[in-house]
PDB file of N, CA and C in Angstrom:
ATOM      1  N   MET A   1      25.261  -9.771   9.282  1.00  0.00           N
ATOM      2  CA  MET A   1      24.693  -8.451   9.424  1.00  0.00           C
ATOM      3  C   MET A   1      25.751  -7.428   9.028  1.00  0.00           C
ATOM      4  N   SER A   2      25.335  -6.458   8.243  1.00  0.00           N
ATOM      5  CA  SER A   2      26.265  -5.424   7.807  1.00  0.00           C
ATOM      6  C   SER A   2      26.578  -4.459   8.944  1.00  0.00           C
ATOM      7  N   ALA A   3      27.674  -3.760   8.797  1.00  0.00           N
ATOM      8  CA  ALA A   3      28.042  -2.751   9.786  1.00  0.00           C
ATOM      9  C   ALA A   3      26.960  -1.679   9.880  1.00  0.00           C
ATOM     10  N   LEU A   4      26.382  -1.310   8.748  1.00  0.00           N
ATOM     11  CA  LEU A   4      25.315  -0.312   8.718  1.00  0.00           C
ATOM     12  C   LEU A   4      24.129  -0.774   9.570  1.00  0.00           C
ATOM     13  N   GLN A   5      23.683  -2.007   9.355  1.00  0.00           N
ATOM     14  CA  GLN A   5      22.526  -2.507  10.100  1.00  0.00           C
ATOM     15  C   GLN A   5      22.857  -2.678  11.574  1.00  0.00           C
ATOM     16  N   ALA A   6      24.064  -3.106  11.880  1.00  0.00           N
ATOM     17  CA  ALA A   6      24.464  -3.260  13.280  1.00  0.00           C
ATOM     18  C   ALA A   6      24.440  -1.911  13.994  1.00  0.00           C
ATOM     19  N   LEU A   7      24.935  -0.875  13.347  1.00  0.00           N
ATOM     20  CA  LEU A   7      24.901   0.468  13.941  1.00  0.00           C
ATOM     21  C   LEU A   7      23.469   0.962  14.101  1.00  0.00           C
ATOM     22  N   ALA A   8      22.648   0.743  13.087  1.00  0.00           N
ATOM     23  CA  ALA A   8      21.250   1.175  13.136  1.00  0.00           C
ATOM     24  C   ALA A   8      20.501   0.442  14.249  1.00  0.00           C
ATOM     25  N   ASP A   9      20.745  -0.857  14.380  1.00  0.00           N
ATOM     26  CA  ASP A   9      20.100  -1.635  15.425  1.00  0.00           C
ATOM     27  C   ASP A   9      20.489  -1.142  16.816  1.00  0.00           C
ATOM     28  N   LYS A  10      21.754  -0.869  17.009  1.00  0.00           N
ATOM     29  CA  LYS A  10      22.237  -0.388  18.306  1.00  0.00           C
ATOM     30  C   LYS A  10      21.620   0.963  18.634  1.00  0.00           C
ATOM     31  N   LEU A  11      21.592   1.864  17.659  1.00  0.00           N
ATOM     32  CA  LEU A  11      21.004   3.175  17.900  1.00  0.00           C
ATOM     33  C   LEU A  11      19.512   3.044  18.199  1.00  0.00           C
ATOM     34  N   ALA A  12      18.812   2.194  17.464  1.00  0.00           N
ATOM     35  CA  ALA A  12      17.381   1.979  17.706  1.00  0.00           C
ATOM     36  C   ALA A  12      17.152   1.470  19.125  1.00  0.00           C
ATOM     37  N   ASP A  13      17.940   0.514  19.562  1.00  0.00           N
ATOM     38  CA  ASP A  13      17.816   0.005  20.929  1.00  0.00           C
ATOM     39  C   ASP A  13      18.024   1.122  21.948  1.00  0.00           C
ATOM     40  N   ASP A  14      19.065   1.911  21.756  1.00  0.00           N
ATOM     41  CA  ASP A  14      19.389   2.984  22.696  1.00  0.00           C
ATOM     42  C   ASP A  14      18.304   4.063  22.724  1.00  0.00           C
ATOM     43  N   VAL A  15      17.802   4.433  21.556  1.00  0.00           N
ATOM     44  CA  VAL A  15      16.775   5.480  21.473  1.00  0.00           C
ATOM     45  C   VAL A  15      15.486   5.012  22.135  1.00  0.00           C
ATOM     46  N   LEU A  16      15.048   3.794  21.841  1.00  0.00           N
ATOM     47  CA  LEU A  16      13.813   3.298  22.445  1.00  0.00           C
ATOM     48  C   LEU A  16      13.966   3.145  23.960  1.00  0.00           C
ATOM     49  N   ALA A  17      15.130   2.775  24.428  1.00  0.00           N
ATOM     50  CA  ALA A  17      15.364   2.673  25.867  1.00  0.00           C
ATOM     51  C   ALA A  17      15.344   4.050  26.526  1.00  0.00           C
ATOM     52  N   ALA A  18      15.772   5.076  25.812  1.00  0.00           N
ATOM     53  CA  ALA A  18      15.831   6.429  26.369  1.00  0.00           C
ATOM     54  C   ALA A  18      14.482   7.146  26.370  1.00  0.00           C
ATOM     55  N   GLU A  19      13.534   6.676  25.583  1.00  0.00           N
ATOM     56  CA  GLU A  19      12.263   7.387  25.455  1.00  0.00           C
ATOM     57  C   GLU A  19      11.533   7.558  26.785  1.00  0.00           C
ATOM     58  N   ALA A  20      11.528   6.550  27.632  1.00  0.00           N
ATOM     59  CA  ALA A  20      10.844   6.661  28.925  1.00  0.00           C
ATOM     60  C   ALA A  20      11.489   7.744  29.783  1.00  0.00           C
ATOM     61  N   GLU A  21      12.809   7.738  29.818  1.00  0.00           N
ATOM     62  CA  GLU A  21      13.522   8.746  30.610  1.00  0.00           C
ATOM     63  C   GLU A  21      13.268  10.151  30.076  1.00  0.00           C
ATOM     64  N   LEU A  22      13.187  10.268  28.756  1.00  0.00           N
ATOM     65  CA  LEU A  22      12.952  11.563  28.133  1.00  0.00           C
ATOM     66  C   LEU A  22      11.483  11.977  28.189  1.00  0.00           C
ATOM     67  N   GLY A  23      10.605  11.024  28.443  1.00  0.00           N
ATOM     68  CA  GLY A  23       9.181  11.327  28.494  1.00  0.00           C
ATOM     69  C   GLY A  23       8.603  11.670  27.133  1.00  0.00           C
ATOM     70  N   ASP A  24       9.145  11.065  26.093  1.00  0.00           N
ATOM     71  CA  ASP A  24       8.736  11.380  24.722  1.00  0.00           C
ATOM     72  C   ASP A  24       8.706  10.087  23.914  1.00  0.00           C
ATOM     73  N   ASP A  25       7.486   9.545  23.722  1.00  0.00           N
ATOM     74  CA  ASP A  25       7.385   8.262  23.028  1.00  0.00           C
ATOM     75  C   ASP A  25       7.531   8.386  21.516  1.00  0.00           C
ATOM     76  N   ARG A  26       7.787   9.571  21.020  1.00  0.00           N
ATOM     77  CA  ARG A  26       8.038   9.781  19.590  1.00  0.00           C
ATOM     78  C   ARG A  26       9.439  10.371  19.362  1.00  0.00           C
ATOM     79  N   PHE A  27      10.287  10.255  20.365  1.00  0.00           N
ATOM     80  CA  PHE A  27      11.643  10.788  20.241  1.00  0.00           C
ATOM     81  C   PHE A  27      12.383  10.154  19.072  1.00  0.00           C
ATOM     82  N   TYR A  28      12.067   8.897  18.778  1.00  0.00           N
ATOM     83  CA  TYR A  28      12.739   8.210  17.673  1.00  0.00           C
ATOM     84  C   TYR A  28      12.540   8.956  16.356  1.00  0.00           C
ATOM     85  N   GLU A  29      11.416   9.666  16.206  1.00  0.00           N
ATOM     86  CA  GLU A  29      11.180  10.439  14.982  1.00  0.00           C
ATOM     87  C   GLU A  29      12.128  11.631  14.882  1.00  0.00           C
ATOM     88  N   LYS A  30      12.439  12.244  16.012  1.00  0.00           N
ATOM     89  CA  LYS A  30      13.389  13.370  16.019  1.00  0.00           C
ATOM     90  C   LYS A  30      14.780  12.893  15.629  1.00  0.00           C
ATOM     91  N   VAL A  31      15.176  11.751  16.174  1.00  0.00           N
ATOM     92  CA  VAL A  31      16.471  11.171  15.810  1.00  0.00           C
ATOM     93  C   VAL A  31      16.479  10.850  14.321  1.00  0.00           C
ATOM     94  N   SER A  32      15.370  10.347  13.820  1.00  0.00           N
ATOM     95  CA  SER A  32      15.266  10.024  12.398  1.00  0.00           C
ATOM     96  C   SER A  32      15.497  11.258  11.530  1.00  0.00           C
ATOM     97  N   GLN A  33      14.961  12.400  11.941  1.00  0.00           N
ATOM     98  CA  GLN A  33      15.164  13.643  11.184  1.00  0.00           C
ATOM     99  C   GLN A  33      16.635  14.043  11.153  1.00  0.00           C
ATOM    100  N   VAL A  34      17.302  13.877  12.282  1.00  0.00           N
ATOM    101  CA  VAL A  34      18.734  14.187  12.351  1.00  0.00           C
ATOM    102  C   VAL A  34      19.509  13.283  11.391  1.00  0.00           C
ATOM    103  N   LEU A  35      19.166  12.003  11.397  1.00  0.00           N
ATOM    104  CA  LEU A  35      19.859  11.047  10.534  1.00  0.00           C
ATOM    105  C   LEU A  35      19.592  11.318   9.064  1.00  0.00           C
ATOM    106  N   LEU A  36      18.354  11.669   8.730  1.00  0.00           N
ATOM    107  CA  LEU A  36      18.008  11.935   7.335  1.00  0.00           C
ATOM    108  C   LEU A  36      18.855  13.067   6.774  1.00  0.00           C
ATOM    109  N   ALA A  37      19.109  14.073   7.593  1.00  0.00           N
ATOM    110  CA  ALA A  37      19.932  15.201   7.145  1.00  0.00           C
ATOM    111  C   ALA A  37      21.389  14.791   6.930  1.00  0.00           C
ATOM    112  N   ALA A  38      21.820  13.767   7.663  1.00  0.00           N
ATOM    113  CA  ALA A  38      23.218  13.335   7.576  1.00  0.00           C
ATOM    114  C   ALA A  38      23.426  12.205   6.572  1.00  0.00           C
ATOM    115  N   SER A  39      22.509  11.223   6.588  1.00  0.00           N
ATOM    116  CA  SER A  39      22.675  10.057   5.726  1.00  0.00           C
ATOM    117  C   SER A  39      21.328   9.364   5.520  1.00  0.00           C
ATOM    118  N   PRO A  40      20.699   9.588   4.377  1.00  0.00           N
ATOM    119  CA  PRO A  40      19.425   8.908   4.111  1.00  0.00           C
ATOM    120  C   PRO A  40      19.531   7.383   4.180  1.00  0.00           C
ATOM    121  N   THR A  41      20.655   6.839   3.791  1.00  0.00           N
ATOM    122  CA  THR A  41      20.846   5.394   3.838  1.00  0.00           C
ATOM    123  C   THR A  41      20.813   4.894   5.279  1.00  0.00           C
ATOM    124  N   PHE A  42      21.510   5.582   6.162  1.00  0.00           N
ATOM    125  CA  PHE A  42      21.521   5.194   7.569  1.00  0.00           C
ATOM    126  C   PHE A  42      20.151   5.428   8.201  1.00  0.00           C
ATOM    127  N   GLN A  43      19.505   6.520   7.827  1.00  0.00           N
ATOM    128  CA  GLN A  43      18.174   6.817   8.365  1.00  0.00           C
ATOM    129  C   GLN A  43      17.194   5.707   7.998  1.00  0.00           C
ATOM    130  N   GLU A  44      17.264   5.202   6.799  1.00  0.00           N
ATOM    131  CA  GLU A  44      16.370   4.132   6.360  1.00  0.00           C
ATOM    132  C   GLU A  44      16.606   2.853   7.171  1.00  0.00           C
ATOM    133  N   ALA A  45      17.864   2.516   7.391  1.00  0.00           N
ATOM    134  CA  ALA A  45      18.179   1.323   8.192  1.00  0.00           C
ATOM    135  C   ALA A  45      17.701   1.503   9.636  1.00  0.00           C
ATOM    136  N   TYR A  46      17.885   2.692  10.180  1.00  0.00           N
ATOM    137  CA  TYR A  46      17.463   3.005  11.548  1.00  0.00           C
ATOM    138  C   TYR A  46      15.944   2.910  11.692  1.00  0.00           C
ATOM    139  N   ILE A  47      15.201   3.525  10.786  1.00  0.00           N
ATOM    140  CA  ILE A  47      13.749   3.526  10.912  1.00  0.00           C
ATOM    141  C   ILE A  47      13.198   2.112  10.729  1.00  0.00           C
ATOM    142  N   THR A  48      13.835   1.299   9.905  1.00  0.00           N
ATOM    143  CA  THR A  48      13.440  -0.105   9.788  1.00  0.00           C
ATOM    144  C   THR A  48      13.654  -0.820  11.118  1.00  0.00           C
ATOM    145  N   SER A  49      14.775  -0.576  11.757  1.00  0.00           N
ATOM    146  CA  SER A  49      15.053  -1.175  13.060  1.00  0.00           C
ATOM    147  C   SER A  49      14.024  -0.733  14.103  1.00  0.00           C
ATOM    148  N   ILE A  50      13.659   0.529  14.075  1.00  0.00           N
ATOM    149  CA  ILE A  50      12.647   1.053  15.008  1.00  0.00           C
ATOM    150  C   ILE A  50      11.317   0.349  14.761  1.00  0.00           C
ATOM    151  N   ARG A  51      10.891   0.288  13.512  1.00  0.00           N
ATOM    152  CA  ARG A  51       9.587  -0.316  13.193  1.00  0.00           C
ATOM    153  C   ARG A  51       9.529  -1.784  13.604  1.00  0.00           C
ATOM    154  N   VAL A  52      10.599  -2.501  13.376  1.00  0.00           N
ATOM    155  CA  VAL A  52      10.646  -3.907  13.761  1.00  0.00           C
ATOM    156  C   VAL A  52      10.506  -4.041  15.274  1.00  0.00           C
ATOM    157  N   ARG A  53      11.198  -3.216  16.012  1.00  0.00           N
ATOM    158  CA  ARG A  53      11.138  -3.280  17.470  1.00  0.00           C
ATOM    159  C   ARG A  53       9.758  -2.883  18.001  1.00  0.00           C
ATOM    160  N   LEU A  54       9.175  -1.851  17.432  1.00  0.00           N
ATOM    161  CA  LEU A  54       7.833  -1.445  17.864  1.00  0.00           C
ATOM    162  C   LEU A  54       6.798  -2.518  17.533  1.00  0.00           C
ATOM    163  N   ALA A  55       6.928  -3.141  16.375  1.00  0.00           N
ATOM    164  CA  ALA A  55       6.014  -4.218  16.005  1.00  0.00           C
ATOM    165  C   ALA A  55       6.172  -5.401  16.957  1.00  0.00           C
ATOM    166  N   GLU A  56       7.400  -5.722  17.321  1.00  0.00           N
ATOM    167  CA  GLU A  56       7.639  -6.823  18.249  1.00  0.00           C
ATOM    168  C   GLU A  56       7.014  -6.513  19.606  1.00  0.00           C
ATOM    169  N   ARG A  57       7.127  -5.276  20.067  1.00  0.00           N
ATOM    170  CA  ARG A  57       6.507  -4.873  21.339  1.00  0.00           C
ATOM    171  C   ARG A  57       5.000  -5.085  21.293  1.00  0.00           C
ATOM    172  N   ARG A  58       4.388  -4.637  20.195  1.00  0.00           N
ATOM    173  CA  ARG A  58       2.932  -4.776  20.066  1.00  0.00           C
ATOM    174  C   ARG A  58       2.520  -6.242  20.022  1.00  0.00           C
ATOM    175  N   GLY A  59       3.273  -7.031  19.276  1.00  0.00           N
ATOM    176  CA  GLY A  59       2.979  -8.457  19.204  1.00  0.00           C
ATOM    177  C   GLY A  59       3.140  -9.137  20.553  1.00  0.00           C
ATOM    178  N   ARG A  60       4.184  -8.794  21.267  1.00  0.00           N
ATOM    179  CA  ARG A  60       4.424  -9.384  22.583  1.00  0.00           C
ATOM    180  C   ARG A  60       3.337  -8.969  23.569  1.00  0.00           C
ATOM    181  N   THR A  61       2.918  -7.716  23.532  1.00  0.00           N
ATOM    182  CA  THR A  61       1.836  -7.247  24.406  1.00  0.00           C
ATOM    183  C   THR A  61       0.554  -8.024  24.129  1.00  0.00           C
ATOM    184  N   PHE A  62       0.237  -8.231  22.842  1.00  0.00           N
ATOM    185  CA  PHE A  62      -0.952  -8.994  22.474  1.00  0.00           C
ATOM    186  C   PHE A  62      -0.846 -10.433  22.988  1.00  0.00           C
ATOM    187  N   LEU A  63       0.304 -11.049  22.816  1.00  0.00           N
ATOM    188  CA  LEU A  63       0.533 -12.405  23.303  1.00  0.00           C
ATOM    189  C   LEU A  63       0.318 -12.481  24.811  1.00  0.00           C
ATOM    190  N   GLU A  64       0.893 -11.545  25.548  1.00  0.00           N
ATOM    191  CA  GLU A  64       0.754 -11.545  27.008  1.00  0.00           C
ATOM    192  C   GLU A  64      -0.699 -11.367  27.428  1.00  0.00           C
ATOM    193  N   LYS A  65      -1.441 -10.489  26.742  1.00  0.00           N
ATOM    194  CA  LYS A  65      -2.860 -10.296  27.055  1.00  0.00           C
ATOM    195  C   LYS A  65      -3.657 -11.564  26.758  1.00  0.00           C
ATOM    196  N   ALA A  66      -3.350 -12.224  25.656  1.00  0.00           N
ATOM    197  CA  ALA A  66      -4.054 -13.451  25.298  1.00  0.00           C
ATOM    198  C   ALA A  66      -3.787 -14.552  26.323  1.00  0.00           C
ATOM    199  N   LEU A  67      -2.552 -14.707  26.741  1.00  0.00           N
ATOM    200  CA  LEU A  67      -2.222 -15.726  27.736  1.00  0.00           C
ATOM    201  C   LEU A  67      -2.872 -15.421  29.081  1.00  0.00           C
ATOM    202  N   THR A  68      -2.858 -14.161  29.478  1.00  0.00           N
ATOM    203  CA  THR A  68      -3.499 -13.764  30.729  1.00  0.00           C
ATOM    204  C   THR A  68      -4.996 -14.048  30.679  1.00  0.00           C
ATOM    205  N   ALA A  69      -5.621 -13.725  29.550  1.00  0.00           N
ATOM    206  CA  ALA A  69      -7.056 -13.974  29.390  1.00  0.00           C
ATOM    207  C   ALA A  69      -7.345 -15.474  29.466  1.00  0.00           C
ATOM    208  N   LYS A  70      -6.579 -16.265  28.778  1.00  0.00           N
ATOM    209  CA  LYS A  70      -6.780 -17.716  28.770  1.00  0.00           C
ATOM    210  C   LYS A  70      -6.640 -18.288  30.171  1.00  0.00           C
ATOM    211  N   ARG A  71      -5.632 -17.863  30.882  1.00  0.00           N
ATOM    212  CA  ARG A  71      -5.349 -18.399  32.215  1.00  0.00           C
ATOM    213  C   ARG A  71      -6.377 -17.964  33.254  1.00  0.00           C
ATOM    214  N   SER A  72      -6.993 -16.803  33.036  1.00  0.00           N
ATOM    215  CA  SER A  72      -7.964 -16.288  34.008  1.00  0.00           C
ATOM    216  C   SER A  72      -9.408 -16.570  33.599  1.00  0.00           C
ATOM    217  N   GLY A  73      -9.609 -17.124  32.404  1.00  0.00           N
ATOM    218  CA  GLY A  73     -10.950 -17.395  31.928  1.00  0.00           C
ATOM    219  C   GLY A  73     -11.650 -16.182  31.340  1.00  0.00           C
ATOM    220  N   ALA A  74     -10.924 -15.107  31.124  1.00  0.00           N
ATOM    221  CA  ALA A  74     -11.492 -13.885  30.548  1.00  0.00           C
ATOM    222  C   ALA A  74     -11.583 -14.028  29.034  1.00  0.00           C
ATOM    223  N   ALA A  75     -12.261 -13.080  28.419  1.00  0.00           N
ATOM    224  CA  ALA A  75     -12.383 -13.075  26.956  1.00  0.00           C
ATOM    225  C   ALA A  75     -11.025 -12.778  26.330  1.00  0.00           C
ATOM    226  N   MET A  76     -10.769 -13.449  25.233  1.00  0.00           N
ATOM    227  CA  MET A  76      -9.523 -13.228  24.501  1.00  0.00           C
ATOM    228  C   MET A  76      -9.529 -11.827  23.891  1.00  0.00           C
ATOM    229  N   PRO A  77      -8.378 -11.175  23.821  1.00  0.00           N
ATOM    230  CA  PRO A  77      -8.326  -9.850  23.195  1.00  0.00           C
ATOM    231  C   PRO A  77      -8.570  -9.957  21.694  1.00  0.00           C
ATOM    232  N   GLU A  78      -9.124  -8.915  21.141  1.00  0.00           N
ATOM    233  CA  GLU A  78      -9.370  -8.866  19.703  1.00  0.00           C
ATOM    234  C   GLU A  78      -8.113  -8.370  18.997  1.00  0.00           C
ATOM    235  N   ALA A  79      -7.786  -9.003  17.902  1.00  0.00           N
ATOM    236  CA  ALA A  79      -6.687  -8.517  17.064  1.00  0.00           C
ATOM    237  C   ALA A  79      -7.176  -7.293  16.313  1.00  0.00           C
ATOM    238  N   PRO A  80      -6.296  -6.357  16.006  1.00  0.00           N
ATOM    239  CA  PRO A  80      -6.733  -5.190  15.235  1.00  0.00           C
ATOM    240  C   PRO A  80      -7.181  -5.604  13.840  1.00  0.00           C
ATOM    241  N   PRO A  81      -8.020  -4.795  13.212  1.00  0.00           N
ATOM    242  CA  PRO A  81      -8.469  -5.139  11.862  1.00  0.00           C
ATOM    243  C   PRO A  81      -7.301  -5.127  10.883  1.00  0.00           C
ATOM    244  N   ASP A  82      -7.441  -5.892   9.820  1.00  0.00           N
ATOM    245  CA  ASP A  82      -6.436  -5.934   8.772  1.00  0.00           C
ATOM    246  C   ASP A  82      -6.550  -4.656   7.950  1.00  0.00           C
ATOM    247  N   LEU A  83      -5.527  -3.839   8.004  1.00  0.00           N
ATOM    248  CA  LEU A  83      -5.524  -2.567   7.277  1.00  0.00           C
ATOM    249  C   LEU A  83      -4.559  -2.598   6.109  1.00  0.00           C
ATOM    250  N   SER A  84      -4.295  -3.795   5.596  1.00  0.00           N
ATOM    251  CA  SER A  84      -3.310  -3.936   4.537  1.00  0.00           C
ATOM    252  C   SER A  84      -3.792  -3.444   3.183  1.00  0.00           C
ATOM    253  N   GLY A  85      -5.019  -3.021   3.090  1.00  0.00           N
ATOM    254  CA  GLY A  85      -5.499  -2.469   1.836  1.00  0.00           C
ATOM    255  C   GLY A  85      -6.125  -3.484   0.909  1.00  0.00           C
ATOM    256  N   GLY A  86      -6.518  -4.633   1.434  1.00  0.00           N
ATOM    257  CA  GLY A  86      -7.103  -5.671   0.610  1.00  0.00           C
ATOM    258  C   GLY A  86      -8.506  -5.367   0.129  1.00  0.00           C
ATOM    259  N   GLY A  87      -9.148  -4.365   0.679  1.00  0.00           N
ATOM    260  CA  GLY A  87     -10.520  -4.028   0.281  1.00  0.00           C
ATOM    261  C   GLY A  87     -10.721  -2.539   0.230  1.00  0.00           C
ATOM    262  N   HIS A  88     -11.963  -2.137   0.093  1.00  0.00           N
ATOM    263  CA  HIS A  88     -12.257  -0.698   0.015  1.00  0.00           C
ATOM    264  C   HIS A  88     -12.840  -0.197   1.290  1.00  0.00           C
TER     265      HIS A  88
END
């Protein structure tokens, strides 16, 4: 892992951890604006780290809901529709 990515990952972890305390679930976007003004390269690495972490959270939440449903006999949760642009 490069020093750039390691720094971006650490900042992403810290920012996402601080969002609850700050009461702002989009605070990471404000940090991104600050970074863009200072270093577009670092901002890109940071926003990638944020997106990966947010995607992992969503995936983990879906997994937990599916396991809970299976164990309790409830209906399985629906996955979101595929919005990748494969159709019209």
